[in-house]
Amino acid sequence: MEMPQRVSIRYKDASYNTSEIRLKTLRLAFQLWEEETKPRKTELYEFITSCLKQIDRQDRFMISLLFVELADTIRDSALERGMKEVLIKTSFREFACALADFEEKSK
């Protein structure tokens, strides 16, 4: 499955296309490590929630692809194993919280 290329969002007064969403997601995931893996409401959480609000329902599957891509990128990085595990767990928790909160609000 490929990410839809027509997707674009606005976040903090900037526009992002699919490639930029991908890069921003990755950058924010790595930033979580620097922020000492604070739980919830990080900028990654805010960014994913913002994406979900703006992306058409049929294109929301791209968020799942970001999960997979993010995990692959972290796994293939030069970070030590323990750090990779913490980063992946924390990133996925942020994704899961954002998705769950979004679904809850949309009911």
N, C-alpha and C. Protein backbone atom coordinates (compact mmCIF):
# COMPACT_ATOMS: atom_id res chain seq x y z
N MET A 1 0.84 -1.18 0.00
CA MET A 1 0.00 0.00 0.00
C MET A 1 0.88 1.24 0.00
N GLU A 2 0.57 2.18 -0.85
CA GLU A 2 1.36 3.41 -0.90
C GLU A 2 0.63 4.56 -0.23
N MET A 3 1.40 5.48 0.27
CA MET A 3 0.79 6.67 0.88
C MET A 3 0.18 7.52 -0.22
N PRO A 4 -1.01 8.06 0.04
CA PRO A 4 -1.63 8.94 -0.96
C PRO A 4 -0.81 10.23 -1.11
N GLN A 5 -0.47 10.59 -2.32
CA GLN A 5 0.37 11.76 -2.56
C GLN A 5 -0.40 13.08 -2.52
N ARG A 6 -1.71 13.01 -2.63
CA ARG A 6 -2.51 14.24 -2.65
C ARG A 6 -2.76 14.81 -1.26
N VAL A 7 -2.38 14.07 -0.23
CA VAL A 7 -2.64 14.51 1.15
C VAL A 7 -1.79 15.71 1.51
N SER A 8 -2.42 16.67 2.14
CA SER A 8 -1.66 17.80 2.70
C SER A 8 -2.43 18.29 3.92
N ILE A 9 -1.69 18.84 4.86
CA ILE A 9 -2.30 19.37 6.08
C ILE A 9 -1.64 20.70 6.42
N ARG A 10 -2.26 21.42 7.36
CA ARG A 10 -1.64 22.61 7.93
C ARG A 10 -1.41 22.33 9.40
N TYR A 11 -0.22 22.70 9.88
CA TYR A 11 0.11 22.51 11.29
C TYR A 11 1.00 23.66 11.72
N LYS A 12 0.55 24.37 12.76
CA LYS A 12 1.30 25.53 13.25
C LYS A 12 1.70 26.47 12.11
N ASP A 13 0.72 26.85 11.32
CA ASP A 13 0.89 27.82 10.22
C ASP A 13 1.85 27.38 9.13
N ALA A 14 2.06 26.09 8.98
CA ALA A 14 2.89 25.58 7.88
C ALA A 14 2.11 24.48 7.16
N SER A 15 2.33 24.37 5.86
CA SER A 15 1.70 23.31 5.08
C SER A 15 2.65 22.14 4.95
N TYR A 16 2.09 20.94 4.96
CA TYR A 16 2.88 19.72 4.82
C TYR A 16 2.24 18.81 3.79
N ASN A 17 3.05 18.31 2.84
CA ASN A 17 2.56 17.29 1.93
C ASN A 17 2.93 15.92 2.51
N THR A 18 2.62 14.86 1.79
CA THR A 18 2.86 13.51 2.31
C THR A 18 4.31 13.29 2.72
N SER A 19 5.25 13.70 1.90
CA SER A 19 6.67 13.51 2.23
C SER A 19 7.06 14.30 3.47
N GLU A 20 6.54 15.50 3.57
CA GLU A 20 6.86 16.33 4.73
C GLU A 20 6.20 15.81 6.00
N ILE A 21 5.00 15.22 5.88
CA ILE A 21 4.35 14.60 7.03
C ILE A 21 5.21 13.45 7.52
N ARG A 22 5.73 12.67 6.58
CA ARG A 22 6.60 11.53 6.88
C ARG A 22 7.84 12.00 7.64
N LEU A 23 8.50 13.04 7.14
CA LEU A 23 9.72 13.56 7.77
C LEU A 23 9.43 14.18 9.14
N LYS A 24 8.35 14.92 9.22
CA LYS A 24 7.99 15.56 10.49
C LYS A 24 7.69 14.49 11.54
N THR A 25 6.98 13.44 11.14
CA THR A 25 6.66 12.35 12.07
C THR A 25 7.93 11.72 12.61
N LEU A 26 8.85 11.44 11.70
CA LEU A 26 10.12 10.82 12.09
C LEU A 26 10.92 11.74 13.02
N ARG A 27 11.01 13.01 12.65
CA ARG A 27 11.76 13.96 13.48
C ARG A 27 11.16 14.07 14.88
N LEU A 28 9.84 14.13 14.95
CA LEU A 28 9.18 14.24 16.25
C LEU A 28 9.34 12.97 17.08
N ALA A 29 9.38 11.83 16.43
CA ALA A 29 9.60 10.58 17.16
C ALA A 29 10.99 10.57 17.79
N PHE A 30 12.00 10.99 17.04
CA PHE A 30 13.35 11.03 17.61
C PHE A 30 13.46 12.11 18.68
N GLN A 31 12.68 13.17 18.55
CA GLN A 31 12.68 14.23 19.55
C GLN A 31 12.13 13.71 20.89
N LEU A 32 11.26 12.70 20.84
CA LEU A 32 10.73 12.11 22.07
C LEU A 32 11.84 11.63 22.99
N TRP A 33 12.88 11.07 22.38
CA TRP A 33 14.00 10.58 23.19
C TRP A 33 14.65 11.74 23.93
N GLU A 34 14.84 12.85 23.22
CA GLU A 34 15.45 14.02 23.84
C GLU A 34 14.58 14.60 24.94
N GLU A 35 13.27 14.45 24.80
CA GLU A 35 12.35 14.96 25.81
C GLU A 35 12.17 13.96 26.96
N GLU A 36 13.05 12.98 27.02
CA GLU A 36 13.01 11.97 28.07
C GLU A 36 11.69 11.22 28.10
N THR A 37 11.17 10.96 26.93
CA THR A 37 9.96 10.14 26.74
C THR A 37 8.80 10.51 27.68
N LYS A 38 8.47 11.79 27.69
CA LYS A 38 7.31 12.24 28.46
C LYS A 38 6.06 11.52 27.93
N PRO A 39 5.16 11.11 28.81
CA PRO A 39 3.96 10.44 28.33
C PRO A 39 2.95 11.44 27.75
N ARG A 40 2.35 11.07 26.67
CA ARG A 40 1.23 11.78 26.04
C ARG A 40 1.39 13.28 25.82
N LYS A 41 0.57 13.77 24.97
CA LYS A 41 0.49 15.20 24.67
C LYS A 41 1.83 15.81 24.26
N THR A 42 2.69 15.01 23.67
CA THR A 42 3.93 15.55 23.12
C THR A 42 3.59 16.16 21.77
N GLU A 43 4.57 16.75 21.12
CA GLU A 43 4.30 17.33 19.81
C GLU A 43 3.98 16.26 18.78
N LEU A 44 4.54 15.05 18.94
CA LEU A 44 4.18 13.96 18.03
C LEU A 44 2.69 13.66 18.15
N TYR A 45 2.20 13.59 19.37
CA TYR A 45 0.76 13.36 19.62
C TYR A 45 -0.06 14.47 18.95
N GLU A 46 0.31 15.71 19.19
CA GLU A 46 -0.42 16.85 18.62
C GLU A 46 -0.40 16.82 17.09
N PHE A 47 0.77 16.48 16.52
CA PHE A 47 0.91 16.45 15.07
C PHE A 47 0.03 15.35 14.46
N ILE A 48 0.06 14.16 15.05
CA ILE A 48 -0.76 13.06 14.53
C ILE A 48 -2.24 13.39 14.64
N THR A 49 -2.66 13.97 15.77
CA THR A 49 -4.05 14.36 15.93
C THR A 49 -4.45 15.38 14.88
N SER A 50 -3.57 16.34 14.64
CA SER A 50 -3.83 17.36 13.63
C SER A 50 -3.97 16.73 12.24
N CYS A 51 -3.09 15.78 11.93
CA CYS A 51 -3.18 15.08 10.64
C CYS A 51 -4.52 14.37 10.51
N LEU A 52 -4.91 13.65 11.55
CA LEU A 52 -6.15 12.88 11.50
C LEU A 52 -7.36 13.78 11.24
N LYS A 53 -7.36 14.95 11.86
CA LYS A 53 -8.48 15.88 11.69
C LYS A 53 -8.58 16.40 10.26
N GLN A 54 -7.43 16.48 9.58
CA GLN A 54 -7.43 17.11 8.26
C GLN A 54 -7.40 16.13 7.09
N ILE A 55 -7.04 14.89 7.35
CA ILE A 55 -6.94 13.91 6.27
C ILE A 55 -8.29 13.24 6.06
N ASP A 56 -8.70 13.12 4.81
CA ASP A 56 -9.96 12.46 4.48
C ASP A 56 -10.01 11.07 5.08
N ARG A 57 -11.20 10.64 5.40
CA ARG A 57 -11.38 9.32 6.02
C ARG A 57 -10.71 8.22 5.21
N GLN A 58 -10.88 8.25 3.89
CA GLN A 58 -10.32 7.19 3.05
C GLN A 58 -8.80 7.19 3.02
N ASP A 59 -8.16 8.30 3.38
CA ASP A 59 -6.70 8.38 3.36
C ASP A 59 -6.06 8.17 4.75
N ARG A 60 -6.87 7.95 5.75
CA ARG A 60 -6.33 7.83 7.11
C ARG A 60 -5.47 6.59 7.31
N PHE A 61 -5.57 5.64 6.38
CA PHE A 61 -4.73 4.44 6.48
C PHE A 61 -3.25 4.81 6.46
N MET A 62 -2.93 5.99 5.92
CA MET A 62 -1.53 6.40 5.86
C MET A 62 -0.91 6.53 7.25
N ILE A 63 -1.75 6.78 8.27
CA ILE A 63 -1.24 6.86 9.63
C ILE A 63 -0.67 5.50 10.05
N SER A 64 -1.35 4.42 9.67
CA SER A 64 -0.85 3.07 9.95
C SER A 64 0.48 2.83 9.26
N LEU A 65 0.60 3.33 8.03
CA LEU A 65 1.85 3.16 7.29
C LEU A 65 2.98 3.93 7.97
N LEU A 66 2.65 5.07 8.58
CA LEU A 66 3.67 5.83 9.30
C LEU A 66 4.19 5.03 10.50
N PHE A 67 3.30 4.29 11.17
CA PHE A 67 3.71 3.40 12.26
C PHE A 67 4.81 2.46 11.78
N VAL A 68 4.51 1.76 10.68
CA VAL A 68 5.42 0.74 10.15
C VAL A 68 6.73 1.37 9.69
N GLU A 69 6.63 2.46 8.97
CA GLU A 69 7.82 3.15 8.45
C GLU A 69 8.70 3.66 9.59
N LEU A 70 8.06 4.21 10.61
CA LEU A 70 8.78 4.73 11.76
C LEU A 70 9.54 3.61 12.48
N ALA A 71 8.86 2.49 12.70
CA ALA A 71 9.51 1.36 13.36
C ALA A 71 10.71 0.86 12.56
N ASP A 72 10.54 0.75 11.24
CA ASP A 72 11.64 0.30 10.37
C ASP A 72 12.83 1.25 10.45
N THR A 73 12.54 2.54 10.40
CA THR A 73 13.61 3.54 10.43
C THR A 73 14.37 3.49 11.76
N ILE A 74 13.63 3.39 12.85
CA ILE A 74 14.27 3.32 14.17
C ILE A 74 15.08 2.03 14.29
N ARG A 75 14.49 0.92 13.85
CA ARG A 75 15.17 -0.38 13.94
C ARG A 75 16.47 -0.38 13.13
N ASP A 76 16.46 0.30 11.98
CA ASP A 76 17.64 0.34 11.11
C ASP A 76 18.65 1.41 11.51
N SER A 77 18.33 2.19 12.52
CA SER A 77 19.24 3.27 12.94
C SER A 77 20.43 2.71 13.73
N ALA A 78 21.39 3.57 14.00
CA ALA A 78 22.61 3.16 14.71
C ALA A 78 22.46 3.25 16.23
N LEU A 79 21.25 3.51 16.70
CA LEU A 79 21.03 3.62 18.15
C LEU A 79 21.24 2.27 18.82
N GLU A 80 21.55 2.27 20.09
CA GLU A 80 21.71 1.00 20.81
C GLU A 80 20.34 0.35 20.99
N ARG A 81 20.35 -0.96 21.14
CA ARG A 81 19.11 -1.74 21.15
C ARG A 81 18.09 -1.26 22.19
N GLY A 82 18.54 -1.03 23.43
CA GLY A 82 17.62 -0.58 24.48
C GLY A 82 16.96 0.74 24.14
N MET A 83 17.74 1.65 23.57
CA MET A 83 17.22 2.96 23.18
C MET A 83 16.18 2.80 22.07
N LYS A 84 16.48 1.92 21.10
CA LYS A 84 15.53 1.67 20.00
C LYS A 84 14.20 1.16 20.54
N GLU A 85 14.27 0.22 21.49
CA GLU A 85 13.05 -0.35 22.05
C GLU A 85 12.21 0.71 22.76
N VAL A 86 12.86 1.54 23.57
CA VAL A 86 12.15 2.59 24.29
C VAL A 86 11.53 3.58 23.30
N LEU A 87 12.30 3.96 22.29
CA LEU A 87 11.83 4.93 21.31
C LEU A 87 10.63 4.39 20.52
N ILE A 88 10.71 3.14 20.10
CA ILE A 88 9.59 2.53 19.36
C ILE A 88 8.35 2.44 20.26
N LYS A 89 8.52 1.95 21.49
CA LYS A 89 7.38 1.83 22.41
C LYS A 89 6.74 3.19 22.67
N THR A 90 7.57 4.19 22.93
CA THR A 90 7.05 5.53 23.23
C THR A 90 6.35 6.13 22.02
N SER A 91 6.96 6.00 20.86
CA SER A 91 6.35 6.53 19.64
C SER A 91 5.01 5.87 19.37
N PHE A 92 4.96 4.54 19.52
CA PHE A 92 3.72 3.84 19.27
C PHE A 92 2.65 4.21 20.29
N ARG A 93 3.07 4.44 21.52
CA ARG A 93 2.10 4.86 22.54
C ARG A 93 1.50 6.21 22.16
N GLU A 94 2.35 7.12 21.67
CA GLU A 94 1.84 8.44 21.25
C GLU A 94 0.87 8.31 20.09
N PHE A 95 1.23 7.46 19.10
CA PHE A 95 0.34 7.21 17.97
C PHE A 95 -0.98 6.63 18.47
N ALA A 96 -0.89 5.60 19.32
CA ALA A 96 -2.10 4.92 19.80
C ALA A 96 -3.00 5.88 20.58
N CYS A 97 -2.41 6.71 21.43
CA CYS A 97 -3.19 7.69 22.19
C CYS A 97 -3.88 8.68 21.26
N ALA A 98 -3.14 9.17 20.28
CA ALA A 98 -3.72 10.13 19.33
C ALA A 98 -4.87 9.49 18.55
N LEU A 99 -4.67 8.27 18.08
CA LEU A 99 -5.72 7.58 17.33
C LEU A 99 -6.95 7.31 18.20
N ALA A 100 -6.70 6.81 19.42
CA ALA A 100 -7.81 6.50 20.32
C ALA A 100 -8.59 7.76 20.69
N ASP A 101 -7.87 8.82 21.02
CA ASP A 101 -8.54 10.08 21.37
C ASP A 101 -9.34 10.63 20.20
N PHE A 102 -8.77 10.52 19.00
CA PHE A 102 -9.46 11.02 17.80
C PHE A 102 -10.74 10.22 17.57
N GLU A 103 -10.64 8.89 17.65
CA GLU A 103 -11.81 8.03 17.44
C GLU A 103 -12.89 8.32 18.49
N GLU A 104 -12.46 8.52 19.72
CA GLU A 104 -13.40 8.79 20.81
C GLU A 104 -14.17 10.08 20.56
N LYS A 105 -13.46 11.11 20.11
CA LYS A 105 -14.10 12.42 19.86
C LYS A 105 -15.04 12.37 18.66
N SER A 106 -14.74 11.49 17.69
CA SER A 106 -15.53 11.47 16.46
C SER A 106 -16.83 10.64 16.61
N LYS A 107 -16.98 9.98 17.75
CA LYS A 107 -18.22 9.18 17.96
C LYS A 107 -19.38 10.06 18.36
